[in-house]
Structure formats: structure tokens, C-alpha cells
Amino acid sequence: DYNTREAQRCTREAEYYQKKAEGYQREAAYYTRKGDTDRAKTQMRYAE
């Protein structure tokens, strides 16, 4: 039971990081369109 709950917790945390990465990628695209390549690179690094 403990290990099953641990697996579920890790899966939820992985989903959280997936959403964070998607947000960072959206921000990188926004800054790329605005011409701020340094900020876009930073956001892509955060996404990675």
C-alpha cells in the first residue's frame, strides 16, 4: 500500500512538471515572437 501510494504521488508530481514545462514553452514562444531571445532561451532552459 505504501509503495502504491508513493507511485501515485510520483505520477502526480510528474504531471505537475509536465504542465510547468508546457507553460515555460509557451512563454518561450511568446518571448521569441517579441524578439527577446535571451528571455526565450531562459524559458526553454526552465522547460528542459
All heavy atoms as atom14 arrays in JSON, in Angstrom:
{
  "sequence": "DYNTREAQRCTREAEYYQKKAEGYQREAAYYTRKGDTDRAKTQMRYAE",
  "atom14_mask": [
    [1, 1, 1, 1, 1, 1, 1, 1, 0, 0, 0, 0, 0, 0],
    [1, 1, 1, 1, 1, 1, 1, 1, 1, 1, 1, 1, 0, 0],
    [1, 1, 1, 1, 1, 1, 1, 1, 0, 0, 0, 0, 0, 0],
    [1, 1, 1, 1, 1, 1, 1, 0, 0, 0, 0, 0, 0, 0],
    [1, 1, 1, 1, 1, 1, 1, 1, 1, 1, 1, 0, 0, 0],
    [1, 1, 1, 1, 1, 1, 1, 1, 1, 0, 0, 0, 0, 0],
    [1, 1, 1, 1, 1, 0, 0, 0, 0, 0, 0, 0, 0, 0],
    [1, 1, 1, 1, 1, 1, 1, 1, 1, 0, 0, 0, 0, 0],
    [1, 1, 1, 1, 1, 1, 1, 1, 1, 1, 1, 0, 0, 0],
    [1, 1, 1, 1, 1, 1, 0, 0, 0, 0, 0, 0, 0, 0],
    [1, 1, 1, 1, 1, 1, 1, 0, 0, 0, 0, 0, 0, 0],
    [1, 1, 1, 1, 1, 1, 1, 1, 1, 1, 1, 0, 0, 0],
    [1, 1, 1, 1, 1, 1, 1, 1, 1, 0, 0, 0, 0, 0],
    [1, 1, 1, 1, 1, 0, 0, 0, 0, 0, 0, 0, 0, 0],
    [1, 1, 1, 1, 1, 1, 1, 1, 1, 0, 0, 0, 0, 0],
    [1, 1, 1, 1, 1, 1, 1, 1, 1, 1, 1, 1, 0, 0],
    [1, 1, 1, 1, 1, 1, 1, 1, 1, 1, 1, 1, 0, 0],
    [1, 1, 1, 1, 1, 1, 1, 1, 1, 0, 0, 0, 0, 0],
    [1, 1, 1, 1, 1, 1, 1, 1, 1, 0, 0, 0, 0, 0],
    [1, 1, 1, 1, 1, 1, 1, 1, 1, 0, 0, 0, 0, 0],
    [1, 1, 1, 1, 1, 0, 0, 0, 0, 0, 0, 0, 0, 0],
    [1, 1, 1, 1, 1, 1, 1, 1, 1, 0, 0, 0, 0, 0],
    [1, 1, 1, 1, 0, 0, 0, 0, 0, 0, 0, 0, 0, 0],
    [1, 1, 1, 1, 1, 1, 1, 1, 1, 1, 1, 1, 0, 0],
    [1, 1, 1, 1, 1, 1, 1, 1, 1, 0, 0, 0, 0, 0],
    [1, 1, 1, 1, 1, 1, 1, 1, 1, 1, 1, 0, 0, 0],
    [1, 1, 1, 1, 1, 1, 1, 1, 1, 0, 0, 0, 0, 0],
    [1, 1, 1, 1, 1, 0, 0, 0, 0, 0, 0, 0, 0, 0],
    [1, 1, 1, 1, 1, 0, 0, 0, 0, 0, 0, 0, 0, 0],
    [1, 1, 1, 1, 1, 1, 1, 1, 1, 1, 1, 1, 0, 0],
    [1, 1, 1, 1, 1, 1, 1, 1, 1, 1, 1, 1, 0, 0],
    [1, 1, 1, 1, 1, 1, 1, 0, 0, 0, 0, 0, 0, 0],
    [1, 1, 1, 1, 1, 1, 1, 1, 1, 1, 1, 0, 0, 0],
    [1, 1, 1, 1, 1, 1, 1, 1, 1, 0, 0, 0, 0, 0],
    [1, 1, 1, 1, 0, 0, 0, 0, 0, 0, 0, 0, 0, 0],
    [1, 1, 1, 1, 1, 1, 1, 1, 0, 0, 0, 0, 0, 0],
    [1, 1, 1, 1, 1, 1, 1, 0, 0, 0, 0, 0, 0, 0],
    [1, 1, 1, 1, 1, 1, 1, 1, 0, 0, 0, 0, 0, 0],
    [1, 1, 1, 1, 1, 1, 1, 1, 1, 1, 1, 0, 0, 0],
    [1, 1, 1, 1, 1, 0, 0, 0, 0, 0, 0, 0, 0, 0],
    [1, 1, 1, 1, 1, 1, 1, 1, 1, 0, 0, 0, 0, 0],
    [1, 1, 1, 1, 1, 1, 1, 0, 0, 0, 0, 0, 0, 0],
    [1, 1, 1, 1, 1, 1, 1, 1, 1, 0, 0, 0, 0, 0],
    [1, 1, 1, 1, 1, 1, 1, 1, 0, 0, 0, 0, 0, 0],
    [1, 1, 1, 1, 1, 1, 1, 1, 1, 1, 1, 0, 0, 0],
    [1, 1, 1, 1, 1, 1, 1, 1, 1, 1, 1, 1, 0, 0],
    [1, 1, 1, 1, 1, 0, 0, 0, 0, 0, 0, 0, 0, 0],
    [1, 1, 1, 1, 1, 1, 1, 1, 1, 0, 0, 0, 0, 0]
  ],
  "atom14_positions": [
    [[0.83, -1.21, 0.0], [0.0, 0.0, 0.0], [0.86, 1.25, 0.0], [0.6, 2.21, -0.73], [-0.94, -0.02, 1.21], [-1.92, 1.12, 1.18], [-2.56, 1.33, 0.12], [-2.05, 1.82, 2.2], [0.0, 0.0, 0.0], [0.0, 0.0, 0.0], [0.0, 0.0, 0.0], [0.0, 0.0, 0.0], [0.0, 0.0, 0.0], [0.0, 0.0, 0.0]],
    [[1.91, 1.24, 0.8], [2.82, 2.4, 0.85], [3.43, 2.66, -0.52], [3.45, 3.8, -1.0], [3.92, 2.16, 1.89], [5.02, 3.19, 1.81], [4.85, 4.44, 2.39], [6.2, 2.93, 1.11], [5.84, 5.41, 2.3], [7.19, 3.89, 1.01], [7.01, 5.12, 1.6], [7.98, 6.08, 1.5], [0.0, 0.0, 0.0], [0.0, 0.0, 0.0]],
    [[3.93, 1.61, -1.16], [4.59, 1.78, -2.46], [3.6, 2.18, -3.54], [3.94, 2.94, -4.45], [5.35, 0.51, -2.85], [6.61, 0.37, -2.04], [7.47, 1.24, -2.07], [6.72, -0.7, -1.27], [0.0, 0.0, 0.0], [0.0, 0.0, 0.0], [0.0, 0.0, 0.0], [0.0, 0.0, 0.0], [0.0, 0.0, 0.0], [0.0, 0.0, 0.0]],
    [[2.37, 1.69, -3.44], [1.35, 2.1, -4.4], [1.05, 3.59, -4.25], [0.97, 4.32, -5.25], [0.06, 1.27, -4.18], [0.37, -0.11, -4.37], [-1.02, 1.68, -5.16], [0.0, 0.0, 0.0], [0.0, 0.0, 0.0], [0.0, 0.0, 0.0], [0.0, 0.0, 0.0], [0.0, 0.0, 0.0], [0.0, 0.0, 0.0], [0.0, 0.0, 0.0]],
    [[0.91, 4.06, -3.01], [0.67, 5.49, -2.78], [1.87, 6.32, -3.23], [1.71, 7.41, -3.79], [0.36, 5.75, -1.31], [-1.06, 5.34, -0.94], [-1.39, 5.67, 0.5], [-0.79, 4.63, 1.36], [0.04, 4.86, 2.36], [0.36, 6.08, 2.7], [0.54, 3.86, 3.07], [0.0, 0.0, 0.0], [0.0, 0.0, 0.0], [0.0, 0.0, 0.0]],
    [[3.06, 5.81, -3.01], [4.27, 6.51, -3.44], [4.3, 6.64, -4.97], [4.65, 7.69, -5.51], [5.52, 5.77, -2.94], [6.82, 6.44, -3.28], [7.07, 7.72, -2.51], [6.35, 8.01, -1.55], [7.99, 8.45, -2.91], [0.0, 0.0, 0.0], [0.0, 0.0, 0.0], [0.0, 0.0, 0.0], [0.0, 0.0, 0.0], [0.0, 0.0, 0.0]],
    [[3.93, 5.59, -5.66], [3.88, 5.63, -7.12], [2.85, 6.65, -7.6], [3.1, 7.41, -8.55], [3.55, 4.25, -7.68], [0.0, 0.0, 0.0], [0.0, 0.0, 0.0], [0.0, 0.0, 0.0], [0.0, 0.0, 0.0], [0.0, 0.0, 0.0], [0.0, 0.0, 0.0], [0.0, 0.0, 0.0], [0.0, 0.0, 0.0], [0.0, 0.0, 0.0]],
    [[1.71, 6.69, -6.94], [0.68, 7.67, -7.31], [1.16, 9.09, -7.07], [0.93, 9.99, -7.89], [-0.61, 7.41, -6.53], [-1.3, 6.12, -6.93], [-2.41, 5.73, -5.98], [-2.52, 6.27, -4.89], [-3.22, 4.78, -6.4], [0.0, 0.0, 0.0], [0.0, 0.0, 0.0], [0.0, 0.0, 0.0], [0.0, 0.0, 0.0], [0.0, 0.0, 0.0]],
    [[1.86, 9.32, -5.96], [2.39, 10.65, -5.66], [3.4, 11.08, -6.72], [3.36, 12.2, -7.22], [3.05, 10.66, -4.28], [3.55, 12.06, -3.87], [4.45, 12.01, -2.66], [5.68, 11.28, -2.88], [6.75, 11.76, -3.54], [6.71, 12.96, -4.08], [7.83, 11.03, -3.67], [0.0, 0.0, 0.0], [0.0, 0.0, 0.0], [0.0, 0.0, 0.0]],
    [[4.28, 10.16, -7.08], [5.29, 10.48, -8.09], [4.65, 10.76, -9.44], [5.1, 11.64, -10.18], [6.3, 9.34, -8.2], [7.37, 9.18, -6.76], [0.0, 0.0, 0.0], [0.0, 0.0, 0.0], [0.0, 0.0, 0.0], [0.0, 0.0, 0.0], [0.0, 0.0, 0.0], [0.0, 0.0, 0.0], [0.0, 0.0, 0.0], [0.0, 0.0, 0.0]],
    [[3.59, 10.04, -9.77], [2.9, 10.26, -11.03], [2.24, 11.64, -11.03], [2.31, 12.36, -12.04], [1.84, 9.16, -11.26], [2.5, 7.89, -11.27], [1.11, 9.37, -12.58], [0.0, 0.0, 0.0], [0.0, 0.0, 0.0], [0.0, 0.0, 0.0], [0.0, 0.0, 0.0], [0.0, 0.0, 0.0], [0.0, 0.0, 0.0], [0.0, 0.0, 0.0]],
    [[1.61, 12.02, -9.92], [1.01, 13.36, -9.83], [2.07, 14.44, -9.96], [1.87, 15.46, -10.63], [0.26, 13.52, -8.51], [-1.08, 12.84, -8.47], [-1.9, 13.28, -7.27], [-1.19, 13.08, -6.0], [-1.19, 11.97, -5.28], [-1.87, 10.93, -5.7], [-0.52, 11.9, -4.14], [0.0, 0.0, 0.0], [0.0, 0.0, 0.0], [0.0, 0.0, 0.0]],
    [[3.22, 14.21, -9.33], [4.3, 15.19, -9.42], [4.83, 15.28, -10.85], [5.15, 16.37, -11.33], [5.43, 14.8, -8.46], [6.24, 15.97, -8.03], [7.1, 15.67, -6.81], [6.65, 14.96, -5.9], [8.24, 16.16, -6.8], [0.0, 0.0, 0.0], [0.0, 0.0, 0.0], [0.0, 0.0, 0.0], [0.0, 0.0, 0.0], [0.0, 0.0, 0.0]],
    [[4.89, 14.17, -11.55], [5.34, 14.18, -12.94], [4.35, 14.98, -13.8], [4.77, 15.74, -14.69], [5.46, 12.75, -13.47], [0.0, 0.0, 0.0], [0.0, 0.0, 0.0], [0.0, 0.0, 0.0], [0.0, 0.0, 0.0], [0.0, 0.0, 0.0], [0.0, 0.0, 0.0], [0.0, 0.0, 0.0], [0.0, 0.0, 0.0], [0.0, 0.0, 0.0]],
    [[3.06, 14.82, -13.54], [2.05, 15.6, -14.27], [2.22, 17.09, -14.01], [2.08, 17.91, -14.92], [0.65, 15.15, -13.88], [0.3, 13.76, -14.36], [-0.97, 13.21, -13.74], [-1.58, 13.89, -12.87], [-1.37, 12.11, -14.12], [0.0, 0.0, 0.0], [0.0, 0.0, 0.0], [0.0, 0.0, 0.0], [0.0, 0.0, 0.0], [0.0, 0.0, 0.0]],
    [[2.53, 17.44, -12.77], [2.78, 18.84, -12.41], [3.95, 19.4, -13.22], [3.86, 20.49, -13.79], [3.07, 18.95, -10.91], [3.66, 20.26, -10.49], [2.86, 21.38, -10.33], [5.02, 20.39, -10.25], [3.4, 22.6, -9.95], [5.57, 21.6, -9.87], [4.75, 22.7, -9.72], [5.29, 23.9, -9.34], [0.0, 0.0, 0.0], [0.0, 0.0, 0.0]],
    [[5.04, 18.65, -13.3], [6.21, 19.13, -14.03], [5.92, 19.2, -15.53], [6.45, 20.07, -16.23], [7.43, 18.24, -13.76], [8.02, 18.5, -12.39], [8.18, 17.46, -11.48], [8.41, 19.77, -12.0], [8.71, 17.7, -10.22], [8.94, 20.01, -10.75], [9.09, 18.97, -9.86], [9.62, 19.21, -8.62], [0.0, 0.0, 0.0], [0.0, 0.0, 0.0]],
    [[5.08, 18.32, -16.04], [4.69, 18.38, -17.45], [3.97, 19.71, -17.72], [4.25, 20.39, -18.71], [3.78, 17.2, -17.81], [3.22, 17.25, -19.21], [4.26, 17.13, -20.29], [5.25, 16.45, -20.11], [4.06, 17.8, -21.4], [0.0, 0.0, 0.0], [0.0, 0.0, 0.0], [0.0, 0.0, 0.0], [0.0, 0.0, 0.0], [0.0, 0.0, 0.0]],
    [[3.06, 20.08, -16.84], [2.33, 21.33, -17.02], [3.27, 22.54, -16.9], [3.13, 23.52, -17.65], [1.2, 21.44, -15.99], [0.07, 20.49, -16.28], [-1.02, 20.57, -15.25], [-2.08, 19.52, -15.54], [-3.13, 19.53, -14.53], [0.0, 0.0, 0.0], [0.0, 0.0, 0.0], [0.0, 0.0, 0.0], [0.0, 0.0, 0.0], [0.0, 0.0, 0.0]],
    [[4.22, 22.45, -15.97], [5.19, 23.54, -15.83], [6.0, 23.68, -17.12], [6.22, 24.8, -17.6], [6.13, 23.28, -14.66], [5.51, 23.36, -13.3], [5.13, 24.77, -12.92], [6.36, 25.53, -12.47], [6.05, 26.87, -11.97], [0.0, 0.0, 0.0], [0.0, 0.0, 0.0], [0.0, 0.0, 0.0], [0.0, 0.0, 0.0], [0.0, 0.0, 0.0]],
    [[6.44, 22.57, -17.68], [7.23, 22.61, -18.91], [6.42, 23.23, -20.05], [6.95, 24.04, -20.82], [7.69, 21.2, -19.29], [0.0, 0.0, 0.0], [0.0, 0.0, 0.0], [0.0, 0.0, 0.0], [0.0, 0.0, 0.0], [0.0, 0.0, 0.0], [0.0, 0.0, 0.0], [0.0, 0.0, 0.0], [0.0, 0.0, 0.0], [0.0, 0.0, 0.0]],
    [[5.15, 22.85, -20.14], [4.31, 23.41, -21.2], [4.17, 24.92, -21.03], [4.21, 25.67, -22.01], [2.94, 22.74, -21.19], [2.98, 21.3, -21.65], [1.68, 20.55, -21.38], [0.74, 21.13, -20.78], [1.59, 19.38, -21.78], [0.0, 0.0, 0.0], [0.0, 0.0, 0.0], [0.0, 0.0, 0.0], [0.0, 0.0, 0.0], [0.0, 0.0, 0.0]],
    [[4.02, 25.38, -19.79], [3.93, 26.82, -19.54], [5.21, 27.54, -19.92], [5.17, 28.62, -20.54], [0.0, 0.0, 0.0], [0.0, 0.0, 0.0], [0.0, 0.0, 0.0], [0.0, 0.0, 0.0], [0.0, 0.0, 0.0], [0.0, 0.0, 0.0], [0.0, 0.0, 0.0], [0.0, 0.0, 0.0], [0.0, 0.0, 0.0], [0.0, 0.0, 0.0]],
    [[6.34, 26.96, -19.56], [7.62, 27.57, -19.93], [7.79, 27.61, -21.44], [8.32, 28.59, -22.0], [8.79, 26.81, -19.3], [8.9, 26.97, -17.81], [9.12, 25.87, -16.99], [8.82, 28.22, -17.2], [9.25, 26.01, -15.61], [8.95, 28.37, -15.83], [9.16, 27.26, -15.04], [9.28, 27.4, -13.69], [0.0, 0.0, 0.0], [0.0, 0.0, 0.0]],
    [[7.35, 26.57, -22.14], [7.46, 26.55, -23.6], [6.57, 27.63, -24.23], [6.97, 28.28, -25.19], [7.1, 25.17, -24.14], [8.16, 24.13, -23.82], [7.72, 22.72, -24.12], [6.53, 22.43, -24.21], [8.68, 21.81, -24.24], [0.0, 0.0, 0.0], [0.0, 0.0, 0.0], [0.0, 0.0, 0.0], [0.0, 0.0, 0.0], [0.0, 0.0, 0.0]],
    [[5.38, 27.82, -23.66], [4.51, 28.9, -24.16], [5.16, 30.26, -23.96], [5.13, 31.12, -24.85], [3.15, 28.86, -23.45], [2.16, 27.89, -24.05], [0.76, 28.12, -23.52], [0.68, 28.02, -22.06], [0.56, 26.89, -21.38], [0.51, 25.75, -22.03], [0.49, 26.9, -20.06], [0.0, 0.0, 0.0], [0.0, 0.0, 0.0], [0.0, 0.0, 0.0]],
    [[5.77, 30.45, -22.77], [6.44, 31.72, -22.51], [7.63, 31.91, -23.45], [7.88, 33.02, -23.92], [6.9, 31.79, -21.07], [5.76, 31.98, -20.08], [6.25, 32.13, -18.66], [7.37, 32.64, -18.45], [5.5, 31.74, -17.75], [0.0, 0.0, 0.0], [0.0, 0.0, 0.0], [0.0, 0.0, 0.0], [0.0, 0.0, 0.0], [0.0, 0.0, 0.0]],
    [[8.36, 30.84, -23.72], [9.49, 30.93, -24.65], [9.01, 31.34, -26.04], [9.64, 32.19, -26.7], [10.24, 29.61, -24.72], [0.0, 0.0, 0.0], [0.0, 0.0, 0.0], [0.0, 0.0, 0.0], [0.0, 0.0, 0.0], [0.0, 0.0, 0.0], [0.0, 0.0, 0.0], [0.0, 0.0, 0.0], [0.0, 0.0, 0.0], [0.0, 0.0, 0.0]],
    [[7.9, 30.78, -26.48], [7.34, 31.15, -27.79], [6.93, 32.62, -27.8], [7.17, 33.34, -28.78], [6.16, 30.25, -28.12], [0.0, 0.0, 0.0], [0.0, 0.0, 0.0], [0.0, 0.0, 0.0], [0.0, 0.0, 0.0], [0.0, 0.0, 0.0], [0.0, 0.0, 0.0], [0.0, 0.0, 0.0], [0.0, 0.0, 0.0], [0.0, 0.0, 0.0]],
    [[6.33, 33.06, -26.7], [5.91, 34.47, -26.6], [7.12, 35.39, -26.71], [7.12, 36.36, -27.49], [5.18, 34.68, -25.27], [4.93, 36.13, -24.96], [3.87, 36.82, -25.56], [5.76, 36.82, -24.07], [3.65, 38.16, -25.29], [5.54, 38.16, -23.79], [4.49, 38.83, -24.4], [4.28, 40.15, -24.12], [0.0, 0.0, 0.0], [0.0, 0.0, 0.0]],
    [[8.17, 35.1, -25.94], [9.35, 35.96, -25.97], [10.08, 35.88, -27.3], [10.68, 36.86, -27.74], [10.29, 35.64, -24.8], [9.72, 36.07, -23.48], [9.49, 35.15, -22.46], [9.4, 37.4, -23.24], [8.96, 35.55, -21.25], [8.87, 37.8, -22.03], [8.64, 36.87, -21.03], [8.11, 37.28, -19.84], [0.0, 0.0, 0.0], [0.0, 0.0, 0.0]],
    [[10.01, 34.74, -27.96], [10.61, 34.62, -29.28], [9.87, 35.53, -30.26], [10.5, 36.24, -31.06], [10.56, 33.16, -29.77], [11.31, 32.35, -28.85], [11.16, 33.02, -31.16], [0.0, 0.0, 0.0], [0.0, 0.0, 0.0], [0.0, 0.0, 0.0], [0.0, 0.0, 0.0], [0.0, 0.0, 0.0], [0.0, 0.0, 0.0], [0.0, 0.0, 0.0]],
    [[8.54, 35.52, -30.2], [7.75, 36.4, -31.08], [8.06, 37.87, -30.8], [8.05, 38.69, -31.71], [6.26, 36.14, -30.9], [5.77, 34.88, -31.57], [4.25, 34.81, -31.63], [3.61, 34.97, -30.33], [3.37, 34.0, -29.45], [3.74, 32.76, -29.73], [2.77, 34.25, -28.3], [0.0, 0.0, 0.0], [0.0, 0.0, 0.0], [0.0, 0.0, 0.0]],
    [[8.29, 38.2, -29.54], [8.59, 39.59, -29.16], [10.03, 39.99, -29.47], [10.39, 41.15, -29.35], [8.31, 39.8, -27.66], [6.87, 39.65, -27.29], [6.06, 40.76, -27.9], [4.61, 40.67, -27.46], [3.79, 41.67, -28.12], [0.0, 0.0, 0.0], [0.0, 0.0, 0.0], [0.0, 0.0, 0.0], [0.0, 0.0, 0.0], [0.0, 0.0, 0.0]],
    [[10.86, 39.01, -29.84], [12.24, 39.31, -30.18], [13.21, 39.27, -29.01], [14.38, 39.6, -29.17], [0.0, 0.0, 0.0], [0.0, 0.0, 0.0], [0.0, 0.0, 0.0], [0.0, 0.0, 0.0], [0.0, 0.0, 0.0], [0.0, 0.0, 0.0], [0.0, 0.0, 0.0], [0.0, 0.0, 0.0], [0.0, 0.0, 0.0], [0.0, 0.0, 0.0]],
    [[12.75, 38.85, -27.85], [13.61, 38.77, -26.66], [14.19, 37.35, -26.58], [13.74, 36.51, -25.82], [12.8, 39.11, -25.42], [13.67, 39.31, -24.19], [14.88, 39.01, -24.26], [13.13, 39.76, -23.15], [0.0, 0.0, 0.0], [0.0, 0.0, 0.0], [0.0, 0.0, 0.0], [0.0, 0.0, 0.0], [0.0, 0.0, 0.0], [0.0, 0.0, 0.0]],
    [[15.23, 37.1, -27.37], [15.77, 35.74, -27.48], [16.44, 35.27, -26.19], [16.4, 34.08, -25.88], [16.77, 35.64, -28.65], [17.78, 36.61, -28.47], [16.05, 35.84, -29.97], [0.0, 0.0, 0.0], [0.0, 0.0, 0.0], [0.0, 0.0, 0.0], [0.0, 0.0, 0.0], [0.0, 0.0, 0.0], [0.0, 0.0, 0.0], [0.0, 0.0, 0.0]],
    [[17.06, 36.19, -25.45], [17.69, 35.79, -24.19], [16.66, 35.24, -23.21], [16.86, 34.21, -22.58], [18.45, 36.95, -23.55], [19.7, 37.33, -24.32], [20.21, 36.46, -25.07], [20.17, 38.48, -24.18], [0.0, 0.0, 0.0], [0.0, 0.0, 0.0], [0.0, 0.0, 0.0], [0.0, 0.0, 0.0], [0.0, 0.0, 0.0], [0.0, 0.0, 0.0]],
    [[15.56, 35.95, -23.1], [14.5, 35.5, -22.19], [13.88, 34.2, -22.7], [13.54, 33.32, -21.92], [13.44, 36.59, -22.07], [12.46, 36.38, -20.98], [12.62, 37.42, -19.9], [11.73, 37.17, -18.8], [10.88, 38.04, -18.31], [10.8, 39.25, -18.83], [10.13, 37.72, -17.29], [0.0, 0.0, 0.0], [0.0, 0.0, 0.0], [0.0, 0.0, 0.0]],
    [[13.74, 34.08, -24.02], [13.18, 32.86, -24.61], [14.1, 31.66, -24.31], [13.61, 30.58, -23.96], [13.01, 33.02, -26.11], [0.0, 0.0, 0.0], [0.0, 0.0, 0.0], [0.0, 0.0, 0.0], [0.0, 0.0, 0.0], [0.0, 0.0, 0.0], [0.0, 0.0, 0.0], [0.0, 0.0, 0.0], [0.0, 0.0, 0.0], [0.0, 0.0, 0.0]],
    [[15.41, 31.86, -24.42], [16.35, 30.79, -24.11], [16.26, 30.37, -22.64], [16.31, 29.18, -22.31], [17.78, 31.22, -24.43], [18.09, 31.29, -25.9], [19.51, 31.78, -26.12], [19.79, 31.99, -27.59], [21.14, 32.53, -27.82], [0.0, 0.0, 0.0], [0.0, 0.0, 0.0], [0.0, 0.0, 0.0], [0.0, 0.0, 0.0], [0.0, 0.0, 0.0]],
    [[16.1, 31.36, -21.78], [15.97, 31.07, -20.35], [14.72, 30.24, -20.09], [14.75, 29.25, -19.34], [15.92, 32.38, -19.53], [17.13, 33.11, -19.75], [15.73, 32.1, -18.06], [0.0, 0.0, 0.0], [0.0, 0.0, 0.0], [0.0, 0.0, 0.0], [0.0, 0.0, 0.0], [0.0, 0.0, 0.0], [0.0, 0.0, 0.0], [0.0, 0.0, 0.0]],
    [[13.62, 30.63, -20.72], [12.37, 29.89, -20.53], [12.49, 28.46, -21.07], [11.96, 27.52, -20.48], [11.21, 30.62, -21.22], [10.87, 31.95, -20.58], [10.48, 31.82, -19.13], [9.72, 30.94, -18.74], [11.03, 32.69, -18.29], [0.0, 0.0, 0.0], [0.0, 0.0, 0.0], [0.0, 0.0, 0.0], [0.0, 0.0, 0.0], [0.0, 0.0, 0.0]],
    [[13.19, 28.29, -22.18], [13.38, 26.93, -22.73], [14.26, 26.1, -21.8], [14.04, 24.91, -21.63], [13.99, 26.99, -24.13], [13.0, 27.36, -25.2], [11.5, 26.33, -25.22], [12.16, 24.75, -25.67], [0.0, 0.0, 0.0], [0.0, 0.0, 0.0], [0.0, 0.0, 0.0], [0.0, 0.0, 0.0], [0.0, 0.0, 0.0], [0.0, 0.0, 0.0]],
    [[15.24, 26.73, -21.18], [16.08, 26.02, -20.22], [15.24, 25.58, -19.02], [15.36, 24.46, -18.54], [17.24, 26.91, -19.78], [18.35, 26.16, -19.11], [19.62, 26.99, -18.91], [19.39, 28.32, -18.39], [19.6, 29.45, -19.1], [20.04, 29.39, -20.33], [19.38, 30.63, -18.55], [0.0, 0.0, 0.0], [0.0, 0.0, 0.0], [0.0, 0.0, 0.0]],
    [[14.34, 26.46, -18.57], [13.42, 26.09, -17.49], [12.54, 24.92, -17.91], [12.28, 24.01, -17.11], [12.53, 27.27, -17.09], [13.22, 28.41, -16.4], [12.63, 29.66, -16.34], [14.48, 28.27, -15.79], [13.24, 30.73, -15.7], [15.09, 29.33, -15.15], [14.47, 30.56, -15.12], [15.07, 31.61, -14.48], [0.0, 0.0, 0.0], [0.0, 0.0, 0.0]],
    [[12.08, 24.95, -19.14], [11.23, 23.87, -19.65], [12.0, 22.55, -19.68], [11.47, 21.5, -19.29], [10.7, 24.21, -21.04], [0.0, 0.0, 0.0], [0.0, 0.0, 0.0], [0.0, 0.0, 0.0], [0.0, 0.0, 0.0], [0.0, 0.0, 0.0], [0.0, 0.0, 0.0], [0.0, 0.0, 0.0], [0.0, 0.0, 0.0], [0.0, 0.0, 0.0]],
    [[13.24, 22.6, -20.12], [14.06, 21.38, -20.16], [14.29, 20.83, -18.76], [14.25, 19.62, -18.55], [15.39, 21.67, -20.85], [15.25, 21.92, -22.34], [16.5, 22.49, -22.98], [17.52, 22.67, -22.27], [16.46, 22.78, -24.19], [0.0, 0.0, 0.0], [0.0, 0.0, 0.0], [0.0, 0.0, 0.0], [0.0, 0.0, 0.0], [0.0, 0.0, 0.0]]
  ]
}
